[in-house]
PDB file of N, CA and C in Angstrom:
ATOM      1  N   MET A   1      -5.564  11.415   5.762  1.00  0.00           N
ATOM      2  CA  MET A   1      -5.063  11.555   4.394  1.00  0.00           C
ATOM      3  C   MET A   1      -4.865  10.314   3.513  1.00  0.00           C
ATOM      4  N   GLN A   2      -5.049   9.021   4.725  1.00  0.00           N
ATOM      5  CA  GLN A   2      -4.811   7.759   4.397  1.00  0.00           C
ATOM      6  C   GLN A   2      -6.289   7.603   3.586  1.00  0.00           C
ATOM      7  N   LEU A   3      -7.087   7.661   4.207  1.00  0.00           N
ATOM      8  CA  LEU A   3      -8.526   7.164   3.824  1.00  0.00           C
ATOM      9  C   LEU A   3      -8.751   7.882   2.204  1.00  0.00           C
ATOM     10  N   ARG A   4      -8.753   9.131   2.147  1.00  0.00           N
ATOM     11  CA  ARG A   4      -8.283   9.738   0.723  1.00  0.00           C
ATOM     12  C   ARG A   4      -7.360   8.836  -0.395  1.00  0.00           C
ATOM     13  N   GLY A   5      -6.288   8.407   0.372  1.00  0.00           N
ATOM     14  CA  GLY A   5      -5.522   7.506  -0.779  1.00  0.00           C
ATOM     15  C   GLY A   5      -5.965   6.267  -0.862  1.00  0.00           C
ATOM     16  N   LEU A   6      -6.743   5.624  -0.028  1.00  0.00           N
ATOM     17  CA  LEU A   6      -7.541   4.490  -0.098  1.00  0.00           C
ATOM     18  C   LEU A   6      -8.725   4.712  -1.213  1.00  0.00           C
ATOM     19  N   ILE A   7      -9.339   5.820  -1.167  1.00  0.00           N
ATOM     20  CA  ILE A   7     -10.268   6.008  -2.000  1.00  0.00           C
ATOM     21  C   ILE A   7      -9.993   6.393  -3.222  1.00  0.00           C
ATOM     22  N   ALA A   8      -8.794   6.887  -3.496  1.00  0.00           N
ATOM     23  CA  ALA A   8      -8.138   7.330  -4.936  1.00  0.00           C
ATOM     24  C   ALA A   8      -7.585   6.231  -5.540  1.00  0.00           C
ATOM     25  N   ILE A   9      -7.448   5.188  -4.779  1.00  0.00           N
ATOM     26  CA  ILE A   9      -6.676   3.984  -5.339  1.00  0.00           C
ATOM     27  C   ILE A   9      -7.725   3.084  -5.764  1.00  0.00           C
ATOM     28  N   GLY A  10      -8.792   3.126  -5.277  1.00  0.00           N
ATOM     29  CA  GLY A  10     -10.363   2.702  -5.932  1.00  0.00           C
ATOM     30  C   GLY A  10     -10.593   3.212  -6.836  1.00  0.00           C
ATOM     31  N   VAL A  11     -10.650   4.222  -6.893  1.00  0.00           N
ATOM     32  CA  VAL A  11     -10.946   4.828  -8.025  1.00  0.00           C
ATOM     33  C   VAL A  11      -9.904   4.536  -9.195  1.00  0.00           C
ATOM     34  N   ALA A  12      -8.785   4.187  -9.410  1.00  0.00           N
ATOM     35  CA  ALA A  12      -7.801   4.050 -10.090  1.00  0.00           C
ATOM     36  C   ALA A  12      -8.056   3.060 -10.498  1.00  0.00           C
ATOM     37  N   ILE A  13      -8.158   1.533  -9.506  1.00  0.00           N
ATOM     38  CA  ILE A  13      -8.544   0.366 -10.110  1.00  0.00           C
ATOM     39  C   ILE A  13      -9.660   0.486 -11.013  1.00  0.00           C
ATOM     40  N   ALA A  14     -10.958   0.866 -10.492  1.00  0.00           N
ATOM     41  CA  ALA A  14     -11.864   1.030 -11.552  1.00  0.00           C
ATOM     42  C   ALA A  14     -11.546   1.109 -12.970  1.00  0.00           C
ATOM     43  N   ALA A  15     -10.843   2.447 -12.839  1.00  0.00           N
ATOM     44  CA  ALA A  15     -10.374   3.155 -14.032  1.00  0.00           C
ATOM     45  C   ALA A  15      -9.417   2.106 -14.842  1.00  0.00           C
ATOM     46  N   LEU A  16      -8.498   1.565 -13.940  1.00  0.00           N
ATOM     47  CA  LEU A  16      -7.960   0.154 -14.833  1.00  0.00           C
ATOM     48  C   LEU A  16      -8.618  -0.602 -15.344  1.00  0.00           C
ATOM     49  N   ALA A  17      -9.540  -1.248 -14.545  1.00  0.00           N
ATOM     50  CA  ALA A  17     -10.542  -2.428 -15.201  1.00  0.00           C
ATOM     51  C   ALA A  17     -11.225  -1.975 -16.323  1.00  0.00           C
ATOM     52  N   PHE A  18     -11.735  -0.674 -16.655  1.00  0.00           N
ATOM     53  CA  PHE A  18     -12.351  -0.372 -17.968  1.00  0.00           C
ATOM     54  C   PHE A  18     -11.674  -0.027 -18.841  1.00  0.00           C
ATOM     55  N   GLY A  19     -10.515   0.620 -18.337  1.00  0.00           N
ATOM     56  CA  GLY A  19      -9.495   1.533 -19.747  1.00  0.00           C
ATOM     57  C   GLY A  19      -8.035   0.528 -19.952  1.00  0.00           C
ATOM     58  N   ALA A  20      -7.913  -0.544 -19.353  1.00  0.00           N
ATOM     59  CA  ALA A  20      -6.583  -1.086 -19.454  1.00  0.00           C
ATOM     60  C   ALA A  20      -6.469  -1.940 -20.761  1.00  0.00           C
ATOM     61  N   PRO A  21      -5.752  -1.884 -21.719  1.00  0.00           N
ATOM     62  CA  PRO A  21      -5.599  -2.501 -22.792  1.00  0.00           C
ATOM     63  C   PRO A  21      -5.655  -3.947 -22.384  1.00  0.00           C
ATOM     64  N   VAL A  22      -6.425  -4.985 -23.489  1.00  0.00           N
ATOM     65  CA  VAL A  22      -6.378  -6.215 -23.004  1.00  0.00           C
ATOM     66  C   VAL A  22      -4.985  -7.002 -22.898  1.00  0.00           C
ATOM     67  N   TRP A  23      -4.066  -6.275 -23.553  1.00  0.00           N
ATOM     68  CA  TRP A  23      -2.836  -7.362 -23.629  1.00  0.00           C
ATOM     69  C   TRP A  23      -2.012  -6.663 -22.091  1.00  0.00           C
ATOM     70  N   ALA A  24      -2.781  -5.869 -21.609  1.00  0.00           N
ATOM     71  CA  ALA A  24      -2.233  -5.387 -19.982  1.00  0.00           C
ATOM     72  C   ALA A  24      -2.054  -6.366 -18.858  1.00  0.00           C
ATOM     73  N   GLN A  25      -3.415  -6.545 -18.704  1.00  0.00           N
ATOM     74  CA  GLN A  25      -3.969  -7.407 -17.565  1.00  0.00           C
ATOM     75  C   GLN A  25      -5.144  -8.140 -18.161  1.00  0.00           C
ATOM     76  N   SER A  26      -5.338  -9.536 -17.454  1.00  0.00           N
ATOM     77  CA  SER A  26      -6.165 -10.339 -17.848  1.00  0.00           C
ATOM     78  C   SER A  26      -7.637  -9.547 -17.069  1.00  0.00           C
ATOM     79  N   ALA A  27      -8.983  -9.886 -17.379  1.00  0.00           N
ATOM     80  CA  ALA A  27      -9.881  -9.461 -16.587  1.00  0.00           C
ATOM     81  C   ALA A  27     -10.074 -10.247 -15.388  1.00  0.00           C
ATOM     82  N   ASP A  28      -9.342 -11.579 -15.330  1.00  0.00           N
ATOM     83  CA  ASP A  28      -9.380 -12.172 -14.238  1.00  0.00           C
ATOM     84  C   ASP A  28      -8.543 -11.652 -12.942  1.00  0.00           C
ATOM     85  N   ALA A  29      -7.328 -10.946 -13.635  1.00  0.00           N
ATOM     86  CA  ALA A  29      -6.497 -10.594 -12.545  1.00  0.00           C
ATOM     87  C   ALA A  29      -6.894  -8.884 -12.149  1.00  0.00           C
ATOM     88  N   LEU A  30      -7.570  -8.548 -12.587  1.00  0.00           N
ATOM     89  CA  LEU A  30      -8.029  -7.079 -12.184  1.00  0.00           C
ATOM     90  C   LEU A  30      -9.219  -7.321 -11.183  1.00  0.00           C
ATOM     91  N   LYS A  31     -10.043  -8.571 -11.560  1.00  0.00           N
ATOM     92  CA  LYS A  31     -11.265  -8.593 -10.532  1.00  0.00           C
ATOM     93  C   LYS A  31     -10.292  -9.413  -9.102  1.00  0.00           C
ATOM     94  N   LYS A  32      -9.620 -10.015  -9.307  1.00  0.00           N
ATOM     95  CA  LYS A  32      -8.919 -10.703  -8.223  1.00  0.00           C
ATOM     96  C   LYS A  32      -8.302  -9.382  -7.467  1.00  0.00           C
ATOM     97  N   ALA A  33      -7.482  -8.282  -7.961  1.00  0.00           N
ATOM     98  CA  ALA A  33      -7.072  -7.265  -7.776  1.00  0.00           C
ATOM     99  C   ALA A  33      -8.022  -6.341  -6.818  1.00  0.00           C
ATOM    100  N   GLN A  34      -9.113  -6.398  -7.753  1.00  0.00           N
ATOM    101  CA  GLN A  34     -10.179  -5.701  -6.950  1.00  0.00           C
ATOM    102  C   GLN A  34     -10.986  -6.130  -5.747  1.00  0.00           C
ATOM    103  N   ALA A  35     -10.926  -7.315  -6.004  1.00  0.00           N
ATOM    104  CA  ALA A  35     -11.771  -7.826  -4.694  1.00  0.00           C
ATOM    105  C   ALA A  35     -10.625  -7.938  -3.446  1.00  0.00           C
ATOM    106  N   SER A  36      -9.353  -8.241  -3.518  1.00  0.00           N
ATOM    107  CA  SER A  36      -8.389  -8.187  -2.660  1.00  0.00           C
ATOM    108  C   SER A  36      -8.233  -6.692  -1.953  1.00  0.00           C
ATOM    109  N   PHE A  37      -8.262  -5.810  -2.946  1.00  0.00           N
ATOM    110  CA  PHE A  37      -8.335  -4.163  -2.329  1.00  0.00           C
ATOM    111  C   PHE A  37      -9.552  -3.871  -1.499  1.00  0.00           C
ATOM    112  N   ASP A  38     -10.509  -4.188  -2.067  1.00  0.00           N
ATOM    113  CA  ASP A  38     -11.917  -3.941  -1.352  1.00  0.00           C
ATOM    114  C   ASP A  38     -12.068  -4.338   0.010  1.00  0.00           C
ATOM    115  N   ALA A  39     -11.791  -5.801   0.157  1.00  0.00           N
ATOM    116  CA  ALA A  39     -11.321  -6.628   1.154  1.00  0.00           C
ATOM    117  C   ALA A  39     -10.498  -6.021   2.370  1.00  0.00           C
ATOM    118  N   ALA A  40      -9.465  -5.636   1.816  1.00  0.00           N
ATOM    119  CA  ALA A  40      -8.220  -4.907   2.452  1.00  0.00           C
ATOM    120  C   ALA A  40      -8.876  -3.635   2.938  1.00  0.00           C
ATOM    121  N   GLN A  41      -9.465  -3.031   2.135  1.00  0.00           N
ATOM    122  CA  GLN A  41      -9.481  -1.446   2.286  1.00  0.00           C
ATOM    123  C   GLN A  41     -10.776  -1.422   3.977  1.00  0.00           C
ATOM    124  N   THR A  42     -11.608  -2.619   3.512  1.00  0.00           N
ATOM    125  CA  THR A  42     -12.584  -3.020   4.591  1.00  0.00           C
ATOM    126  C   THR A  42     -11.855  -3.125   5.854  1.00  0.00           C
ATOM    127  N   GLU A  43     -11.154  -3.900   6.193  1.00  0.00           N
ATOM    128  CA  GLU A  43      -9.926  -4.472   7.221  1.00  0.00           C
ATOM    129  C   GLU A  43      -9.351  -3.020   7.790  1.00  0.00           C
ATOM    130  N   TYR A  44      -8.886  -2.343   6.768  1.00  0.00           N
ATOM    131  CA  TYR A  44      -8.097  -0.960   7.127  1.00  0.00           C
ATOM    132  C   TYR A  44      -9.360   0.009   8.176  1.00  0.00           C
ATOM    133  N   LEU A  45     -10.373  -0.133   7.494  1.00  0.00           N
ATOM    134  CA  LEU A  45     -11.057   0.903   8.120  1.00  0.00           C
ATOM    135  C   LEU A  45     -11.877   0.295   9.289  1.00  0.00           C
ATOM    136  N   GLN A  46     -11.909  -1.086   9.599  1.00  0.00           N
ATOM    137  CA  GLN A  46     -12.136  -1.268  10.885  1.00  0.00           C
ATOM    138  C   GLN A  46     -11.105  -1.626  11.775  1.00  0.00           C
ATOM    139  N   GLY A  47      -9.772  -1.321  11.583  1.00  0.00           N
ATOM    140  CA  GLY A  47      -8.712  -1.193  12.247  1.00  0.00           C
ATOM    141  C   GLY A  47      -8.194  -2.539  12.165  1.00  0.00           C
ATOM    142  N   ASN A  48      -8.235  -3.518  11.300  1.00  0.00           N
ATOM    143  CA  ASN A  48      -7.607  -4.659  11.275  1.00  0.00           C
ATOM    144  C   ASN A  48      -6.395  -4.661  10.634  1.00  0.00           C
ATOM    145  N   TYR A  49      -5.384  -4.173  10.868  1.00  0.00           N
ATOM    146  CA  TYR A  49      -4.079  -3.529   9.875  1.00  0.00           C
ATOM    147  C   TYR A  49      -3.057  -4.523   9.418  1.00  0.00           C
ATOM    148  N   ASP A  50      -3.206  -5.549  10.176  1.00  0.00           N
ATOM    149  CA  ASP A  50      -2.053  -6.849   9.384  1.00  0.00           C
ATOM    150  C   ASP A  50      -2.951  -7.616   8.549  1.00  0.00           C
ATOM    151  N   ALA A  51      -4.468  -7.781   8.680  1.00  0.00           N
ATOM    152  CA  ALA A  51      -5.150  -8.232   7.693  1.00  0.00           C
ATOM    153  C   ALA A  51      -5.306  -7.256   6.275  1.00  0.00           C
ATOM    154  N   ALA A  52      -5.226  -6.041   6.714  1.00  0.00           N
ATOM    155  CA  ALA A  52      -5.874  -4.957   5.735  1.00  0.00           C
ATOM    156  C   ALA A  52      -4.361  -5.243   4.989  1.00  0.00           C
ATOM    157  N   ALA A  53      -2.911  -4.989   5.553  1.00  0.00           N
ATOM    158  CA  ALA A  53      -1.431  -5.403   4.923  1.00  0.00           C
ATOM    159  C   ALA A  53      -1.660  -6.565   3.970  1.00  0.00           C
ATOM    160  N   LYS A  54      -2.322  -7.690   4.767  1.00  0.00           N
ATOM    161  CA  LYS A  54      -2.208  -8.775   3.954  1.00  0.00           C
ATOM    162  C   LYS A  54      -3.031  -8.831   2.548  1.00  0.00           C
ATOM    163  N   GLY A  55      -4.310  -8.315   2.780  1.00  0.00           N
ATOM    164  CA  GLY A  55      -5.149  -8.062   1.464  1.00  0.00           C
ATOM    165  C   GLY A  55      -4.387  -6.967   0.141  1.00  0.00           C
ATOM    166  N   PHE A  56      -4.031  -5.902   0.841  1.00  0.00           N
ATOM    167  CA  PHE A  56      -3.245  -5.079  -0.195  1.00  0.00           C
ATOM    168  C   PHE A  56      -2.414  -5.809  -1.134  1.00  0.00           C
ATOM    169  N   GLN A  57      -1.376  -6.715  -0.307  1.00  0.00           N
ATOM    170  CA  GLN A  57      -0.195  -7.562  -0.890  1.00  0.00           C
ATOM    171  C   GLN A  57      -0.994  -8.475  -1.993  1.00  0.00           C
ATOM    172  N   GLU A  58      -2.036  -9.045  -1.798  1.00  0.00           N
ATOM    173  CA  GLU A  58      -2.357  -9.928  -2.582  1.00  0.00           C
ATOM    174  C   GLU A  58      -2.927  -9.034  -3.544  1.00  0.00           C
ATOM    175  N   ALA A  59      -3.539  -7.935  -3.307  1.00  0.00           N
ATOM    176  CA  ALA A  59      -4.060  -6.923  -4.451  1.00  0.00           C
ATOM    177  C   ALA A  59      -2.708  -6.593  -5.682  1.00  0.00           C
ATOM    178  N   TYR A  60      -1.460  -6.356  -4.936  1.00  0.00           N
ATOM    179  CA  TYR A  60      -0.712  -6.051  -5.636  1.00  0.00           C
ATOM    180  C   TYR A  60       0.059  -7.203  -6.238  1.00  0.00           C
ATOM    181  N   SER A  61      -0.087  -8.638  -5.597  1.00  0.00           N
ATOM    182  CA  SER A  61       0.491  -9.550  -5.984  1.00  0.00           C
ATOM    183  C   SER A  61      -0.436 -10.078  -7.407  1.00  0.00           C
ATOM    184  N   ALA A  62      -1.695  -9.670  -7.527  1.00  0.00           N
ATOM    185  CA  ALA A  62      -2.756  -9.836  -8.902  1.00  0.00           C
ATOM    186  C   ALA A  62      -2.371  -8.663  -9.679  1.00  0.00           C
ATOM    187  N   ARG A  63      -2.259  -7.480  -9.398  1.00  0.00           N
ATOM    188  CA  ARG A  63      -1.913  -6.557 -10.470  1.00  0.00           C
ATOM    189  C   ARG A  63      -0.969  -5.518  -9.933  1.00  0.00           C
ATOM    190  N   PRO A  64       0.175  -5.627 -10.131  1.00  0.00           N
ATOM    191  CA  PRO A  64       1.547  -4.765  -9.576  1.00  0.00           C
ATOM    192  C   PRO A  64       1.004  -3.366  -9.921  1.00  0.00           C
ATOM    193  N   PHE A  65      -0.021  -2.693  -9.088  1.00  0.00           N
ATOM    194  CA  PHE A  65      -0.063  -1.341  -9.314  1.00  0.00           C
ATOM    195  C   PHE A  65       0.588  -0.538  -7.956  1.00  0.00           C
ATOM    196  N   PRO A  66       1.546  -0.157  -7.980  1.00  0.00           N
ATOM    197  CA  PRO A  66       2.556   0.416  -7.004  1.00  0.00           C
ATOM    198  C   PRO A  66       1.858   0.797  -5.842  1.00  0.00           C
ATOM    199  N   GLN A  67       0.950   1.666  -6.246  1.00  0.00           N
ATOM    200  CA  GLN A  67       0.106   2.121  -4.924  1.00  0.00           C
ATOM    201  C   GLN A  67      -0.565   1.264  -3.831  1.00  0.00           C
ATOM    202  N   PHE A  68      -0.276   0.200  -4.546  1.00  0.00           N
ATOM    203  CA  PHE A  68      -0.879  -1.152  -3.325  1.00  0.00           C
ATOM    204  C   PHE A  68       0.050  -1.000  -2.253  1.00  0.00           C
ATOM    205  N   LEU A  69       1.330  -1.220  -2.793  1.00  0.00           N
ATOM    206  CA  LEU A  69       2.471  -1.157  -2.045  1.00  0.00           C
ATOM    207  C   LEU A  69       2.592  -0.046  -0.608  1.00  0.00           C
ATOM    208  N   TYR A  70       2.167   1.289  -1.198  1.00  0.00           N
ATOM    209  CA  TYR A  70       2.056   2.253  -0.185  1.00  0.00           C
ATOM    210  C   TYR A  70       0.964   1.578   0.739  1.00  0.00           C
ATOM    211  N   ASN A  71      -0.241   1.218   0.366  1.00  0.00           N
ATOM    212  CA  ASN A  71      -1.361   0.728   1.557  1.00  0.00           C
ATOM    213  C   ASN A  71      -0.828  -0.362   2.260  1.00  0.00           C
ATOM    214  N   VAL A  72       0.104  -0.989   1.879  1.00  0.00           N
ATOM    215  CA  VAL A  72       0.894  -2.153   2.841  1.00  0.00           C
ATOM    216  C   VAL A  72       1.612  -1.389   3.801  1.00  0.00           C
ATOM    217  N   GLY A  73       2.272  -0.658   3.198  1.00  0.00           N
ATOM    218  CA  GLY A  73       3.080   0.360   4.235  1.00  0.00           C
ATOM    219  C   GLY A  73       2.175   1.173   5.279  1.00  0.00           C
ATOM    220  N   ALA A  74       1.282   1.712   5.161  1.00  0.00           N
ATOM    221  CA  ALA A  74       0.374   2.330   5.726  1.00  0.00           C
ATOM    222  C   ALA A  74      -0.477   1.428   6.785  1.00  0.00           C
ATOM    223  N   SER A  75      -0.630   0.379   6.522  1.00  0.00           N
ATOM    224  CA  SER A  75      -1.456  -0.649   7.074  1.00  0.00           C
ATOM    225  C   SER A  75      -0.564  -0.961   8.451  1.00  0.00           C
ATOM    226  N   LEU A  76       0.979  -1.461   7.679  1.00  0.00           N
ATOM    227  CA  LEU A  76       1.561  -1.981   8.685  1.00  0.00           C
ATOM    228  C   LEU A  76       2.651  -1.211   9.707  1.00  0.00           C
ATOM    229  N   HIS A  77       2.379   0.022   9.053  1.00  0.00           N
ATOM    230  CA  HIS A  77       2.635   1.337  10.177  1.00  0.00           C
ATOM    231  C   HIS A  77       1.714   1.391  10.873  1.00  0.00           C
ATOM    232  N   ARG A  78       0.291   1.284  10.816  1.00  0.00           N
ATOM    233  CA  ARG A  78      -0.783   1.573  11.784  1.00  0.00           C
ATOM    234  C   ARG A  78      -0.870   0.163  12.573  1.00  0.00           C
ATOM    235  N   ALA A  79      -0.166  -1.096  12.111  1.00  0.00           N
ATOM    236  CA  ALA A  79      -0.189  -2.033  13.313  1.00  0.00           C
ATOM    237  C   ALA A  79       1.059  -2.057  13.900  1.00  0.00           C
ATOM    238  N   GLY A  80       2.070  -1.301  13.619  1.00  0.00           N
ATOM    239  CA  GLY A  80       3.127  -1.107  14.446  1.00  0.00           C
ATOM    240  C   GLY A  80       4.232  -1.943  13.998  1.00  0.00           C
ATOM    241  N   ASP A  81       3.999  -2.288  13.025  1.00  0.00           N
ATOM    242  CA  ASP A  81       5.276  -3.144  12.512  1.00  0.00           C
ATOM    243  C   ASP A  81       6.479  -1.981  11.509  1.00  0.00           C
ATOM    244  N   THR A  82       6.945  -1.203  12.333  1.00  0.00           N
ATOM    245  CA  THR A  82       7.887  -0.452  11.649  1.00  0.00           C
ATOM    246  C   THR A  82       8.772  -0.909  10.544  1.00  0.00           C
ATOM    247  N   MET A  83       9.326  -1.957  10.616  1.00  0.00           N
ATOM    248  CA  MET A  83      10.065  -2.475   9.705  1.00  0.00           C
ATOM    249  C   MET A  83       9.642  -2.622   8.606  1.00  0.00           C
ATOM    250  N   GLY A  84       8.447  -3.452   8.675  1.00  0.00           N
ATOM    251  CA  GLY A  84       7.628  -4.010   7.786  1.00  0.00           C
ATOM    252  C   GLY A  84       6.988  -2.557   6.723  1.00  0.00           C
ATOM    253  N   ALA A  85       6.600  -1.401   7.594  1.00  0.00           N
ATOM    254  CA  ALA A  85       6.362  -0.442   6.949  1.00  0.00           C
ATOM    255  C   ALA A  85       7.548   0.205   6.248  1.00  0.00           C
ATOM    256  N   VAL A  86       8.501   0.293   6.821  1.00  0.00           N
ATOM    257  CA  VAL A  86       9.778   1.214   6.050  1.00  0.00           C
ATOM    258  C   VAL A  86       9.881   0.332   4.556  1.00  0.00           C
ATOM    259  N   LYS A  87       9.890  -1.138   4.847  1.00  0.00           N
ATOM    260  CA  LYS A  87      10.338  -2.197   3.698  1.00  0.00           C
ATOM    261  C   LYS A  87       9.136  -1.677   2.417  1.00  0.00           C
ATOM    262  N   ALA A  88       8.015  -1.990   2.529  1.00  0.00           N
ATOM    263  CA  ALA A  88       6.901  -1.608   1.917  1.00  0.00           C
ATOM    264  C   ALA A  88       6.745  -0.226   1.233  1.00  0.00           C
ATOM    265  N   TYR A  89       7.176   0.922   2.003  1.00  0.00           N
ATOM    266  CA  TYR A  89       7.465   1.914   1.380  1.00  0.00           C
ATOM    267  C   TYR A  89       8.456   2.135   0.847  1.00  0.00           C
ATOM    268  N   GLN A  90       9.669   1.724   0.952  1.00  0.00           N
ATOM    269  CA  GLN A  90      10.877   1.664  -0.145  1.00  0.00           C
ATOM    270  C   GLN A  90      10.347   0.885  -1.028  1.00  0.00           C
ATOM    271  N   GLN A  91       9.302  -0.202  -1.457  1.00  0.00           N
ATOM    272  CA  GLN A  91       9.248  -0.864  -2.547  1.00  0.00           C
ATOM    273  C   GLN A  91       8.195   0.127  -3.626  1.00  0.00           C
ATOM    274  N   TYR A  92       7.545   0.811  -2.381  1.00  0.00           N
ATOM    275  CA  TYR A  92       6.780   1.665  -3.010  1.00  0.00           C
ATOM    276  C   TYR A  92       7.364   2.750  -3.956  1.00  0.00           C
ATOM    277  N   LEU A  93       8.677   3.408  -3.400  1.00  0.00           N
ATOM    278  CA  LEU A  93       9.271   4.548  -3.615  1.00  0.00           C
ATOM    279  C   LEU A  93      10.228   4.057  -5.029  1.00  0.00           C
ATOM    280  N   ASN A  94      10.778   2.716  -4.820  1.00  0.00           N
ATOM    281  CA  ASN A  94      11.310   1.706  -6.170  1.00  0.00           C
ATOM    282  C   ASN A  94      10.349   1.539  -7.359  1.00  0.00           C
ATOM    283  N   ALA A  95       9.252   1.627  -7.029  1.00  0.00           N
ATOM    284  CA  ALA A  95       8.276   0.803  -8.364  1.00  0.00           C
ATOM    285  C   ALA A  95       7.943   2.424  -8.960  1.00  0.00           C
ATOM    286  N   LEU A  96       7.626   3.678  -7.940  1.00  0.00           N
ATOM    287  CA  LEU A  96       7.297   4.616  -8.310  1.00  0.00           C
ATOM    288  C   LEU A  96       8.133   5.914  -8.202  1.00  0.00           C
ATOM    289  N   PRO A  97       9.200   6.110  -8.213  1.00  0.00           N
ATOM    290  CA  PRO A  97      10.126   6.619  -7.738  1.00  0.00           C
ATOM    291  C   PRO A  97       9.401   8.215  -7.796  1.00  0.00           C
ATOM    292  N   GLU A  98       8.870   8.681  -9.153  1.00  0.00           N
ATOM    293  CA  GLU A  98       8.285   9.978  -9.062  1.00  0.00           C
ATOM    294  C   GLU A  98       6.855  10.203  -8.883  1.00  0.00           C
ATOM    295  N   ALA A  99       6.605   9.432  -7.680  1.00  0.00           N
ATOM    296  CA  ALA A  99       5.154   9.257  -7.078  1.00  0.00           C
ATOM    297  C   ALA A  99       5.198  10.899  -6.450  1.00  0.00           C
ATOM    298  N   ALA A 100       4.012  11.495  -6.731  1.00  0.00           N
ATOM    299  CA  ALA A 100       3.403  12.620  -6.383  1.00  0.00           C
ATOM    300  C   ALA A 100       3.853  13.141  -4.654  1.00  0.00           C
ATOM    301  N   ASP A 101       3.709  11.993  -4.051  1.00  0.00           N
ATOM    302  CA  ASP A 101       3.968  12.040  -2.716  1.00  0.00           C
ATOM    303  C   ASP A 101       4.897  11.401  -2.293  1.00  0.00           C
ATOM    304  N   ALA A 102       6.458  11.151  -3.155  1.00  0.00           N
ATOM    305  CA  ALA A 102       7.352  10.389  -2.985  1.00  0.00           C
ATOM    306  C   ALA A 102       7.927  11.146  -1.711  1.00  0.00           C
ATOM    307  N   ASP A 103       8.371  12.660  -1.783  1.00  0.00           N
ATOM    308  CA  ASP A 103       9.106  13.468  -0.540  1.00  0.00           C
ATOM    309  C   ASP A 103       8.386  13.018   0.867  1.00  0.00           C
ATOM    310  N   LYS A 104       6.849  12.655   0.954  1.00  0.00           N
ATOM    311  CA  LYS A 104       6.168  12.446   2.144  1.00  0.00           C
ATOM    312  C   LYS A 104       6.614  11.420   2.564  1.00  0.00           C
ATOM    313  N   VAL A 105       6.892  10.438   1.538  1.00  0.00           N
ATOM    314  CA  VAL A 105       6.905   8.591   1.826  1.00  0.00           C
ATOM    315  C   VAL A 105       8.237   8.501   2.099  1.00  0.00           C
ATOM    316  N   ARG A 106       9.457   9.604   1.790  1.00  0.00           N
ATOM    317  CA  ARG A 106      10.734   9.037   2.194  1.00  0.00           C
ATOM    318  C   ARG A 106      10.414   9.889   3.912  1.00  0.00           C
ATOM    319  N   LYS A 107      10.220  10.944   3.898  1.00  0.00           N
ATOM    320  CA  LYS A 107      10.086  11.550   5.135  1.00  0.00           C
ATOM    321  C   LYS A 107       9.617  10.878   6.536  1.00  0.00           C
ATOM    322  N   ALA A 108       8.440   9.903   5.880  1.00  0.00           N
ATOM    323  CA  ALA A 108       7.588   8.940   6.538  1.00  0.00           C
ATOM    324  C   ALA A 108       8.817   7.949   7.021  1.00  0.00           C
ATOM    325  N   ILE A 109       9.530   7.475   6.042  1.00  0.00           N
ATOM    326  CA  ILE A 109      10.706   6.440   6.308  1.00  0.00           C
ATOM    327  C   ILE A 109      11.672   6.816   7.196  1.00  0.00           C
ATOM    328  N   GLN A 110      12.464   8.096   6.816  1.00  0.00           N
ATOM    329  CA  GLN A 110      12.930   8.534   8.033  1.00  0.00           C
ATOM    330  C   GLN A 110      12.587   8.959   9.480  1.00  0.00           C
ATOM    331  N   ILE A 111      11.593   9.003   9.617  1.00  0.00           N
ATOM    332  CA  ILE A 111      10.884   9.346  11.134  1.00  0.00           C
ATOM    333  C   ILE A 111      10.949   8.100  11.440  1.00  0.00           C
ATOM    334  N   LEU A 112      10.331   7.013  10.806  1.00  0.00           N
ATOM    335  CA  LEU A 112      10.042   5.504  11.345  1.00  0.00           C
ATOM    336  C   LEU A 112      11.180   4.987  11.834  1.00  0.00           C
ATOM    337  N   LEU A 113      12.586   5.247  10.567  1.00  0.00           N
ATOM    338  CA  LEU A 113      13.775   4.836  11.096  1.00  0.00           C
ATOM    339  C   LEU A 113      14.268   5.445  12.214  1.00  0.00           C
ATOM    340  N   GLU A 114      14.255   6.694  12.997  1.00  0.00           N
ATOM    341  CA  GLU A 114      14.694   7.111  13.560  1.00  0.00           C
ATOM    342  C   GLU A 114      14.135   6.702  14.935  1.00  0.00           C
ATOM    343  N   ARG A 115      12.544   6.469  14.800  1.00  0.00           N
ATOM    344  CA  ARG A 115      11.795   6.509  16.037  1.00  0.00           C
ATOM    345  C   ARG A 115      12.357   4.669  16.724  1.00  0.00           C
ATOM    346  N   SER A 116      12.399   3.916  15.266  1.00  0.00           N
ATOM    347  CA  SER A 116      12.998   2.570  15.655  1.00  0.00           C
ATOM    348  C   SER A 116      14.467   2.664  16.422  1.00  0.00           C
ATOM    349  N   GLY A 117      15.222   3.687  16.012  1.00  0.00           N
ATOM    350  CA  GLY A 117      16.476   3.556  16.392  1.00  0.00           C
ATOM    351  C   GLY A 117      16.530   3.726  17.762  1.00  0.00           C
ATOM    352  N   ASP A 118      15.533   4.714  18.330  1.00  0.00           N
ATOM    353  CA  ASP A 118      15.564   5.607  19.562  1.00  0.00           C
ATOM    354  C   ASP A 118      14.856   4.269  20.308  1.00  0.00           C
ATOM    355  N   ALA A 119      14.078   3.508  20.093  1.00  0.00           N
ATOM    356  CA  ALA A 119      12.999   2.270  20.815  1.00  0.00           C
ATOM    357  C   ALA A 119      14.505   1.226  21.162  1.00  0.00           C
ATOM    358  N   LEU A 120      15.241   1.102  19.946  1.00  0.00           N
ATOM    359  CA  LEU A 120      16.345   0.143  20.301  1.00  0.00           C
ATOM    360  C   LEU A 120      17.223   0.518  21.160  1.00  0.00           C
ATOM    361  N   MET A 121      17.684   1.711  21.187  1.00  0.00           N
ATOM    362  CA  MET A 121      18.521   2.403  22.235  1.00  0.00           C
ATOM    363  C   MET A 121      18.089   2.691  23.551  1.00  0.00           C
ATOM    364  N   LYS A 122      16.629   2.526  23.852  1.00  0.00           N
ATOM    365  CA  LYS A 122      16.187   2.699  25.199  1.00  0.00           C
ATOM    366  C   LYS A 122      16.148   1.093  26.149  1.00  0.00           C
ATOM    367  N   PRO A 123      16.887   1.307  27.314  1.00  0.00           N
ATOM    368  CA  PRO A 123      17.066   0.194  28.415  1.00  0.00           C
ATOM    369  C   PRO A 123      15.750  -0.740  28.254  1.00  0.00           C
TER     370      PRO A 123
END
């Protein structure tokens, strides 16, 4: 599912690059977002999750596309950074509260928080 999400975001970025109004984003910002996304996607697929998270964050900084925040969360989750993942997922939901996957993301946050609480309680 995560790969499907990454691919969908790539398609969305391409659509934004060709269909975005001139006033919405500069061409340079879109190019920066696309380059950062492409590099982050490669890092993610190679298992370099910390580097992927940084790349998706750079893409978001260049073009505040909420799905990039989801990818940051997914990357941090895979990297084992539970609280970083929770924070990124929450930012995603704040930016896109009516996302099609909002319920699944809320459930993922709940599970991550429960697991982190269990880990803190173990001696």
